[in-house]
PDB file of N, CA and C in Angstrom:
ATOM      1  N   MET A   1       2.041 -80.094  -0.101  1.00  0.00           N
ATOM      2  CA  MET A   1       1.662 -78.594   0.300  1.00  0.00           C
ATOM      3  C   MET A   1       0.092 -79.294  -0.731  1.00  0.00           C
ATOM      4  N   THR A   2      -1.058 -79.416   0.101  1.00  0.00           N
ATOM      5  CA  THR A   2      -2.142 -79.994  -0.448  1.00  0.00           C
ATOM      6  C   THR A   2      -2.553 -78.995  -1.268  1.00  0.00           C
ATOM      7  N   PRO A   3      -3.661 -78.907  -2.036  1.00  0.00           N
ATOM      8  CA  PRO A   3      -4.617 -77.747  -2.529  1.00  0.00           C
ATOM      9  C   PRO A   3      -4.875 -76.928  -2.052  1.00  0.00           C
ATOM     10  N   ILE A   4      -5.851 -77.474  -0.639  1.00  0.00           N
ATOM     11  CA  ILE A   4      -6.525 -76.493   0.417  1.00  0.00           C
ATOM     12  C   ILE A   4      -5.461 -75.501   0.514  1.00  0.00           C
ATOM     13  N   GLN A   5      -4.208 -75.786   1.398  1.00  0.00           N
ATOM     14  CA  GLN A   5      -3.670 -75.466   2.215  1.00  0.00           C
ATOM     15  C   GLN A   5      -2.529 -74.204   0.840  1.00  0.00           C
ATOM     16  N   GLU A   6      -2.691 -74.977  -0.137  1.00  0.00           N
ATOM     17  CA  GLU A   6      -1.902 -73.509  -1.588  1.00  0.00           C
ATOM     18  C   GLU A   6      -3.132 -72.487  -1.385  1.00  0.00           C
ATOM     19  N   LEU A   7      -4.072 -72.702  -1.545  1.00  0.00           N
ATOM     20  CA  LEU A   7      -5.383 -72.005  -1.836  1.00  0.00           C
ATOM     21  C   LEU A   7      -5.325 -71.235  -0.755  1.00  0.00           C
ATOM     22  N   GLU A   8      -5.510 -71.514   0.662  1.00  0.00           N
ATOM     23  CA  GLU A   8      -5.496 -70.540   1.335  1.00  0.00           C
ATOM     24  C   GLU A   8      -4.324 -69.717   2.067  1.00  0.00           C
ATOM     25  N   LEU A   9      -2.669 -69.891   1.610  1.00  0.00           N
ATOM     26  CA  LEU A   9      -1.813 -69.227   1.615  1.00  0.00           C
ATOM     27  C   LEU A   9      -2.100 -68.515   0.356  1.00  0.00           C
ATOM     28  N   LYS A  10      -2.346 -68.665  -0.684  1.00  0.00           N
ATOM     29  CA  LYS A  10      -2.359 -67.782  -1.745  1.00  0.00           C
ATOM     30  C   LYS A  10      -3.663 -66.588  -1.619  1.00  0.00           C
ATOM     31  N   LEU A  11      -4.440 -66.616  -0.702  1.00  0.00           N
ATOM     32  CA  LEU A  11      -5.607 -65.593  -0.170  1.00  0.00           C
ATOM     33  C   LEU A  11      -5.411 -65.119   0.753  1.00  0.00           C
ATOM     34  N   SER A  12      -4.165 -65.537   1.413  1.00  0.00           N
ATOM     35  CA  SER A  12      -3.873 -64.768   2.477  1.00  0.00           C
ATOM     36  C   SER A  12      -2.464 -64.145   2.788  1.00  0.00           C
ATOM     37  N   GLN A  13      -2.415 -63.112   1.920  1.00  0.00           N
ATOM     38  CA  GLN A  13      -1.120 -62.606   1.644  1.00  0.00           C
ATOM     39  C   GLN A  13      -0.966 -61.343   2.700  1.00  0.00           C
ATOM     40  N   PRO A  14       0.165 -61.045   2.791  1.00  0.00           N
ATOM     41  CA  PRO A  14       0.817 -60.469   4.225  1.00  0.00           C
ATOM     42  C   PRO A  14       0.453 -58.893   3.638  1.00  0.00           C
ATOM     43  N   PRO A  15       0.255 -57.952   4.725  1.00  0.00           N
ATOM     44  CA  PRO A  15       0.674 -56.430   4.467  1.00  0.00           C
ATOM     45  C   PRO A  15       1.755 -56.205   3.668  1.00  0.00           C
ATOM     46  N   ARG A  16       2.093 -55.384   3.045  1.00  0.00           N
ATOM     47  CA  ARG A  16       3.361 -55.106   2.842  1.00  0.00           C
ATOM     48  C   ARG A  16       4.183 -54.618   3.311  1.00  0.00           C
ATOM     49  N   ALA A  17       5.931 -54.805   3.104  1.00  0.00           N
ATOM     50  CA  ALA A  17       6.420 -54.871   4.380  1.00  0.00           C
ATOM     51  C   ALA A  17       6.947 -55.387   5.501  1.00  0.00           C
ATOM     52  N   SER A  18       5.796 -56.655   5.411  1.00  0.00           N
ATOM     53  CA  SER A  18       5.904 -57.370   6.352  1.00  0.00           C
ATOM     54  C   SER A  18       7.569 -58.465   6.552  1.00  0.00           C
ATOM     55  N   VAL A  19       7.808 -58.693   7.299  1.00  0.00           N
ATOM     56  CA  VAL A  19       8.737 -60.293   7.886  1.00  0.00           C
ATOM     57  C   VAL A  19       8.562 -61.303   8.482  1.00  0.00           C
ATOM     58  N   LEU A  20       8.433 -61.944   7.374  1.00  0.00           N
ATOM     59  CA  LEU A  20       7.560 -63.485   7.684  1.00  0.00           C
ATOM     60  C   LEU A  20       8.519 -64.889   8.310  1.00  0.00           C
ATOM     61  N   GLU A  21       8.400 -65.820   9.294  1.00  0.00           N
ATOM     62  CA  GLU A  21       9.260 -66.850   9.629  1.00  0.00           C
ATOM     63  C   GLU A  21       8.621 -67.746   8.633  1.00  0.00           C
ATOM     64  N   ILE A  22       8.554 -68.594   7.663  1.00  0.00           N
ATOM     65  CA  ILE A  22       8.336 -69.667   7.699  1.00  0.00           C
ATOM     66  C   ILE A  22       9.001 -71.083   7.992  1.00  0.00           C
ATOM     67  N   LYS A  23       8.124 -72.234   8.623  1.00  0.00           N
ATOM     68  CA  LYS A  23       8.967 -73.052   8.878  1.00  0.00           C
ATOM     69  C   LYS A  23       8.133 -74.216   7.897  1.00  0.00           C
ATOM     70  N   VAL A  24       9.197 -75.232   7.068  1.00  0.00           N
ATOM     71  CA  VAL A  24       8.584 -75.908   6.201  1.00  0.00           C
ATOM     72  C   VAL A  24       9.043 -77.397   6.676  1.00  0.00           C
ATOM     73  N   ALA A  25       8.430 -78.449   5.838  1.00  0.00           N
ATOM     74  CA  ALA A  25       9.195 -79.387   6.142  1.00  0.00           C
ATOM     75  C   ALA A  25       9.157 -80.141   4.882  1.00  0.00           C
ATOM     76  N   PHE A  26      10.142 -81.718   4.581  1.00  0.00           N
ATOM     77  CA  PHE A  26       9.982 -82.199   3.354  1.00  0.00           C
ATOM     78  C   PHE A  26       9.755 -83.358   3.424  1.00  0.00           C
ATOM     79  N   GLU A  27       9.344 -84.332   3.233  1.00  0.00           N
ATOM     80  CA  GLU A  27       8.801 -85.805   2.936  1.00  0.00           C
ATOM     81  C   GLU A  27      10.568 -86.193   3.498  1.00  0.00           C
ATOM     82  N   GLY A  28      10.406 -87.368   4.316  1.00  0.00           N
ATOM     83  CA  GLY A  28      11.037 -88.264   3.874  1.00  0.00           C
ATOM     84  C   GLY A  28      12.352 -87.583   4.495  1.00  0.00           C
ATOM     85  N   SER A  29      12.353 -86.357   5.762  1.00  0.00           N
ATOM     86  CA  SER A  29      13.235 -85.502   6.082  1.00  0.00           C
ATOM     87  C   SER A  29      12.590 -85.240   7.403  1.00  0.00           C
ATOM     88  N   PRO A  30      13.375 -85.505   8.829  1.00  0.00           N
ATOM     89  CA  PRO A  30      13.033 -85.647   9.976  1.00  0.00           C
ATOM     90  C   PRO A  30      13.110 -83.814  10.643  1.00  0.00           C
ATOM     91  N   LYS A  31      13.670 -83.361   9.709  1.00  0.00           N
ATOM     92  CA  LYS A  31      14.063 -81.868  10.032  1.00  0.00           C
ATOM     93  C   LYS A  31      12.886 -80.957   9.565  1.00  0.00           C
ATOM     94  N   THR A  32      12.842 -79.750  10.131  1.00  0.00           N
ATOM     95  CA  THR A  32      12.163 -78.661   9.531  1.00  0.00           C
ATOM     96  C   THR A  32      12.891 -77.313   9.863  1.00  0.00           C
ATOM     97  N   TYR A  33      12.445 -76.954   8.245  1.00  0.00           N
ATOM     98  CA  TYR A  33      13.783 -75.857   7.986  1.00  0.00           C
ATOM     99  C   TYR A  33      12.470 -74.334   8.343  1.00  0.00           C
ATOM    100  N   THR A  34      13.619 -73.495   8.303  1.00  0.00           N
ATOM    101  CA  THR A  34      13.022 -72.200   8.713  1.00  0.00           C
ATOM    102  C   THR A  34      13.640 -71.307   7.810  1.00  0.00           C
ATOM    103  N   TYR A  35      13.053 -70.154   6.999  1.00  0.00           N
ATOM    104  CA  TYR A  35      13.099 -69.571   6.056  1.00  0.00           C
ATOM    105  C   TYR A  35      12.552 -68.205   6.448  1.00  0.00           C
ATOM    106  N   VAL A  36      13.093 -67.025   5.950  1.00  0.00           N
ATOM    107  CA  VAL A  36      12.324 -65.473   6.348  1.00  0.00           C
ATOM    108  C   VAL A  36      12.147 -65.134   5.200  1.00  0.00           C
ATOM    109  N   ALA A  37      10.950 -64.473   5.015  1.00  0.00           N
ATOM    110  CA  ALA A  37      10.601 -63.674   3.916  1.00  0.00           C
ATOM    111  C   ALA A  37      10.264 -62.567   4.178  1.00  0.00           C
ATOM    112  N   LEU A  38      10.731 -61.466   3.254  1.00  0.00           N
ATOM    113  CA  LEU A  38      10.318 -59.874   3.592  1.00  0.00           C
ATOM    114  C   LEU A  38       9.840 -59.482   2.059  1.00  0.00           C
ATOM    115  N   GLU A  39       8.894 -58.781   2.250  1.00  0.00           N
ATOM    116  CA  GLU A  39       8.204 -57.794   1.255  1.00  0.00           C
ATOM    117  C   GLU A  39       8.995 -56.670   1.399  1.00  0.00           C
ATOM    118  N   ALA A  40       9.654 -55.896  -0.079  1.00  0.00           N
ATOM    119  CA  ALA A  40       9.974 -54.800  -0.510  1.00  0.00           C
ATOM    120  C   ALA A  40       9.630 -54.697  -1.686  1.00  0.00           C
ATOM    121  N   VAL A  41       9.052 -53.192  -1.712  1.00  0.00           N
ATOM    122  CA  VAL A  41       9.233 -52.614  -3.253  1.00  0.00           C
ATOM    123  C   VAL A  41       8.434 -53.481  -4.098  1.00  0.00           C
ATOM    124  N   GLY A  42       7.005 -54.467  -3.749  1.00  0.00           N
ATOM    125  CA  GLY A  42       6.304 -55.187  -4.226  1.00  0.00           C
ATOM    126  C   GLY A  42       6.418 -56.347  -4.696  1.00  0.00           C
ATOM    127  N   GLY A  43       7.929 -57.057  -4.118  1.00  0.00           N
ATOM    128  CA  GLY A  43       7.863 -58.430  -4.382  1.00  0.00           C
ATOM    129  C   GLY A  43       8.730 -59.232  -2.723  1.00  0.00           C
ATOM    130  N   TRP A  44       8.825 -60.098  -3.111  1.00  0.00           N
ATOM    131  CA  TRP A  44       8.927 -60.652  -1.652  1.00  0.00           C
ATOM    132  C   TRP A  44      10.839 -61.926  -2.027  1.00  0.00           C
ATOM    133  N   TYR A  45      11.428 -61.474  -0.856  1.00  0.00           N
ATOM    134  CA  TYR A  45      12.875 -62.238  -1.042  1.00  0.00           C
ATOM    135  C   TYR A  45      12.501 -63.024  -0.125  1.00  0.00           C
ATOM    136  N   LEU A  46      13.247 -64.108  -0.402  1.00  0.00           N
ATOM    137  CA  LEU A  46      13.256 -65.627   0.923  1.00  0.00           C
ATOM    138  C   LEU A  46      14.493 -65.770   0.720  1.00  0.00           C
ATOM    139  N   THR A  47      15.281 -65.900   2.046  1.00  0.00           N
ATOM    140  CA  THR A  47      16.647 -66.512   2.487  1.00  0.00           C
ATOM    141  C   THR A  47      16.775 -68.023   2.032  1.00  0.00           C
ATOM    142  N   ASN A  48      17.953 -68.192   2.183  1.00  0.00           N
ATOM    143  CA  ASN A  48      18.575 -69.370   1.274  1.00  0.00           C
ATOM    144  C   ASN A  48      18.222 -69.716   0.242  1.00  0.00           C
ATOM    145  N   MET A  49      18.510 -68.593  -0.742  1.00  0.00           N
ATOM    146  CA  MET A  49      18.275 -68.626  -2.230  1.00  0.00           C
ATOM    147  C   MET A  49      19.336 -68.448  -3.146  1.00  0.00           C
ATOM    148  N   SER A  50      20.396 -69.059  -3.753  1.00  0.00           N
ATOM    149  CA  SER A  50      21.878 -68.619  -4.150  1.00  0.00           C
ATOM    150  C   SER A  50      21.483 -67.401  -5.476  1.00  0.00           C
ATOM    151  N   SER A  51      20.496 -67.429  -5.733  1.00  0.00           N
ATOM    152  CA  SER A  51      20.247 -66.103  -6.438  1.00  0.00           C
ATOM    153  C   SER A  51      18.913 -65.338  -6.015  1.00  0.00           C
ATOM    154  N   ASN A  52      18.520 -64.296  -5.516  1.00  0.00           N
ATOM    155  CA  ASN A  52      17.757 -64.222  -4.681  1.00  0.00           C
ATOM    156  C   ASN A  52      16.658 -62.679  -5.650  1.00  0.00           C
ATOM    157  N   PRO A  53      15.893 -63.710  -6.609  1.00  0.00           N
ATOM    158  CA  PRO A  53      15.365 -62.600  -7.181  1.00  0.00           C
ATOM    159  C   PRO A  53      13.742 -62.334  -6.355  1.00  0.00           C
ATOM    160  N   ALA A  54      13.101 -60.765  -6.220  1.00  0.00           N
ATOM    161  CA  ALA A  54      11.785 -60.813  -6.159  1.00  0.00           C
ATOM    162  C   ALA A  54      10.820 -61.442  -6.725  1.00  0.00           C
ATOM    163  N   MET A  55       9.776 -61.833  -5.826  1.00  0.00           N
ATOM    164  CA  MET A  55       8.845 -62.986  -6.098  1.00  0.00           C
ATOM    165  C   MET A  55       7.128 -62.574  -5.846  1.00  0.00           C
ATOM    166  N   SER A  56       6.201 -62.501  -6.755  1.00  0.00           N
ATOM    167  CA  SER A  56       5.225 -61.990  -5.687  1.00  0.00           C
ATOM    168  C   SER A  56       4.532 -62.756  -4.933  1.00  0.00           C
ATOM    169  N   TRP A  57       3.802 -62.812  -4.265  1.00  0.00           N
ATOM    170  CA  TRP A  57       3.134 -63.573  -2.728  1.00  0.00           C
ATOM    171  C   TRP A  57       2.511 -65.252  -3.701  1.00  0.00           C
ATOM    172  N   GLU A  58       2.131 -65.251  -4.906  1.00  0.00           N
ATOM    173  CA  GLU A  58       2.204 -66.292  -5.378  1.00  0.00           C
ATOM    174  C   GLU A  58       3.048 -67.089  -5.397  1.00  0.00           C
ATOM    175  N   GLY A  59       3.945 -66.314  -6.405  1.00  0.00           N
ATOM    176  CA  GLY A  59       5.645 -67.024  -6.782  1.00  0.00           C
ATOM    177  C   GLY A  59       6.032 -67.733  -5.816  1.00  0.00           C
ATOM    178  N   LEU A  60       5.950 -66.943  -4.565  1.00  0.00           N
ATOM    179  CA  LEU A  60       6.535 -67.501  -3.443  1.00  0.00           C
ATOM    180  C   LEU A  60       5.982 -68.889  -2.841  1.00  0.00           C
ATOM    181  N   ILE A  61       4.692 -68.813  -3.230  1.00  0.00           N
ATOM    182  CA  ILE A  61       3.670 -69.913  -2.339  1.00  0.00           C
ATOM    183  C   ILE A  61       4.212 -71.215  -3.518  1.00  0.00           C
ATOM    184  N   ASP A  62       4.331 -70.768  -4.531  1.00  0.00           N
ATOM    185  CA  ASP A  62       4.417 -71.536  -5.808  1.00  0.00           C
ATOM    186  C   ASP A  62       6.128 -71.867  -5.616  1.00  0.00           C
ATOM    187  N   TRP A  63       6.816 -71.526  -5.258  1.00  0.00           N
ATOM    188  CA  TRP A  63       8.262 -71.966  -4.910  1.00  0.00           C
ATOM    189  C   TRP A  63       8.277 -73.676  -3.940  1.00  0.00           C
ATOM    190  N   PHE A  64       7.704 -72.518  -3.169  1.00  0.00           N
ATOM    191  CA  PHE A  64       7.652 -73.764  -2.094  1.00  0.00           C
ATOM    192  C   PHE A  64       7.115 -75.301  -2.311  1.00  0.00           C
ATOM    193  N   LYS A  65       5.556 -75.256  -3.252  1.00  0.00           N
ATOM    194  CA  LYS A  65       5.217 -76.243  -3.998  1.00  0.00           C
ATOM    195  C   LYS A  65       6.402 -76.855  -4.679  1.00  0.00           C
ATOM    196  N   ALA A  66       6.936 -76.010  -5.454  1.00  0.00           N
ATOM    197  CA  ALA A  66       7.627 -76.935  -6.898  1.00  0.00           C
ATOM    198  C   ALA A  66       8.837 -77.515  -5.595  1.00  0.00           C
ATOM    199  N   LYS A  67       8.994 -76.767  -4.757  1.00  0.00           N
ATOM    200  CA  LYS A  67      10.414 -77.764  -3.614  1.00  0.00           C
ATOM    201  C   LYS A  67       9.780 -79.318  -3.291  1.00  0.00           C
ATOM    202  N   ASP A  68       8.310 -79.308  -3.097  1.00  0.00           N
ATOM    203  CA  ASP A  68       7.437 -80.075  -2.725  1.00  0.00           C
ATOM    204  C   ASP A  68       7.250 -80.071  -0.587  1.00  0.00           C
ATOM    205  N   ALA A  69       7.224 -78.622  -0.403  1.00  0.00           N
ATOM    206  CA  ALA A  69       7.359 -78.485   1.250  1.00  0.00           C
ATOM    207  C   ALA A  69       6.288 -78.311   1.621  1.00  0.00           C
ATOM    208  N   ASP A  70       5.805 -79.412   2.888  1.00  0.00           N
ATOM    209  CA  ASP A  70       4.837 -78.960   3.830  1.00  0.00           C
ATOM    210  C   ASP A  70       4.967 -77.469   4.222  1.00  0.00           C
ATOM    211  N   VAL A  71       4.390 -76.686   4.085  1.00  0.00           N
ATOM    212  CA  VAL A  71       4.132 -75.054   5.209  1.00  0.00           C
ATOM    213  C   VAL A  71       3.644 -75.863   6.759  1.00  0.00           C
ATOM    214  N   VAL A  72       4.311 -75.661   7.242  1.00  0.00           N
ATOM    215  CA  VAL A  72       3.942 -75.910   9.065  1.00  0.00           C
ATOM    216  C   VAL A  72       3.517 -75.041   9.332  1.00  0.00           C
ATOM    217  N   SER A  73       4.193 -73.780   9.392  1.00  0.00           N
ATOM    218  CA  SER A  73       3.873 -72.895  10.244  1.00  0.00           C
ATOM    219  C   SER A  73       4.309 -71.221   9.002  1.00  0.00           C
ATOM    220  N   ILE A  74       3.640 -69.920   9.342  1.00  0.00           N
ATOM    221  CA  ILE A  74       3.782 -68.896   9.302  1.00  0.00           C
ATOM    222  C   ILE A  74       3.577 -67.781  10.402  1.00  0.00           C
ATOM    223  N   ARG A  75       4.719 -67.452  10.553  1.00  0.00           N
ATOM    224  CA  ARG A  75       4.459 -66.202  11.757  1.00  0.00           C
ATOM    225  C   ARG A  75       5.101 -64.587  11.191  1.00  0.00           C
ATOM    226  N   ARG A  76       4.492 -63.701  11.682  1.00  0.00           N
ATOM    227  CA  ARG A  76       4.861 -62.228  10.885  1.00  0.00           C
ATOM    228  C   ARG A  76       5.353 -61.608  12.121  1.00  0.00           C
ATOM    229  N   ALA A  77       6.939 -60.551  12.080  1.00  0.00           N
ATOM    230  CA  ALA A  77       6.982 -59.848  12.875  1.00  0.00           C
ATOM    231  C   ALA A  77       6.339 -58.613  12.884  1.00  0.00           C
ATOM    232  N   THR A  78       5.581 -58.296  14.155  1.00  0.00           N
ATOM    233  CA  THR A  78       4.630 -57.346  14.311  1.00  0.00           C
ATOM    234  C   THR A  78       5.501 -56.126  15.332  1.00  0.00           C
ATOM    235  N   GLU A  79       6.534 -56.344  15.680  1.00  0.00           N
ATOM    236  CA  GLU A  79       6.984 -54.937  15.905  1.00  0.00           C
ATOM    237  C   GLU A  79       8.649 -55.048  16.233  1.00  0.00           C
ATOM    238  N   TRP A  80       9.172 -54.070  16.038  1.00  0.00           N
ATOM    239  CA  TRP A  80      10.663 -54.656  16.899  1.00  0.00           C
ATOM    240  C   TRP A  80      11.195 -53.745  17.982  1.00  0.00           C
ATOM    241  N   GLU A  81      12.377 -54.280  18.221  1.00  0.00           N
ATOM    242  CA  GLU A  81      12.895 -53.869  19.086  1.00  0.00           C
ATOM    243  C   GLU A  81      14.488 -53.253  18.895  1.00  0.00           C
ATOM    244  N   THR A  82      14.473 -52.290  19.291  1.00  0.00           N
ATOM    245  CA  THR A  82      15.476 -50.833  18.935  1.00  0.00           C
ATOM    246  C   THR A  82      17.157 -51.519  19.405  1.00  0.00           C
ATOM    247  N   LEU A  83      17.995 -51.578  18.554  1.00  0.00           N
ATOM    248  CA  LEU A  83      19.128 -52.305  19.701  1.00  0.00           C
ATOM    249  C   LEU A  83      20.380 -51.467  19.782  1.00  0.00           C
ATOM    250  N   LEU A  84      20.217 -50.098  19.027  1.00  0.00           N
ATOM    251  CA  LEU A  84      21.392 -49.712  19.092  1.00  0.00           C
ATOM    252  C   LEU A  84      20.712 -48.026  18.466  1.00  0.00           C
TER     253      LEU A  84
END
């Protein structure tokens, strides 16, 4: 993650109760990995974590930075389909 990308991400916090699809790539890996992040009760929760503590938005970005992830895209769910 470049310093510019980190700053842009930290300044663009999504609205409360957002559900995000975050695609990331790791250097040396041909795969793109997909995570889902959910904001609830003032904290962000991320899929694929063994212990899933709530994080601040900045904490979430810092987590990806610590993993040396390159954030490829972030998409926010904007509507729900009723299934039942």
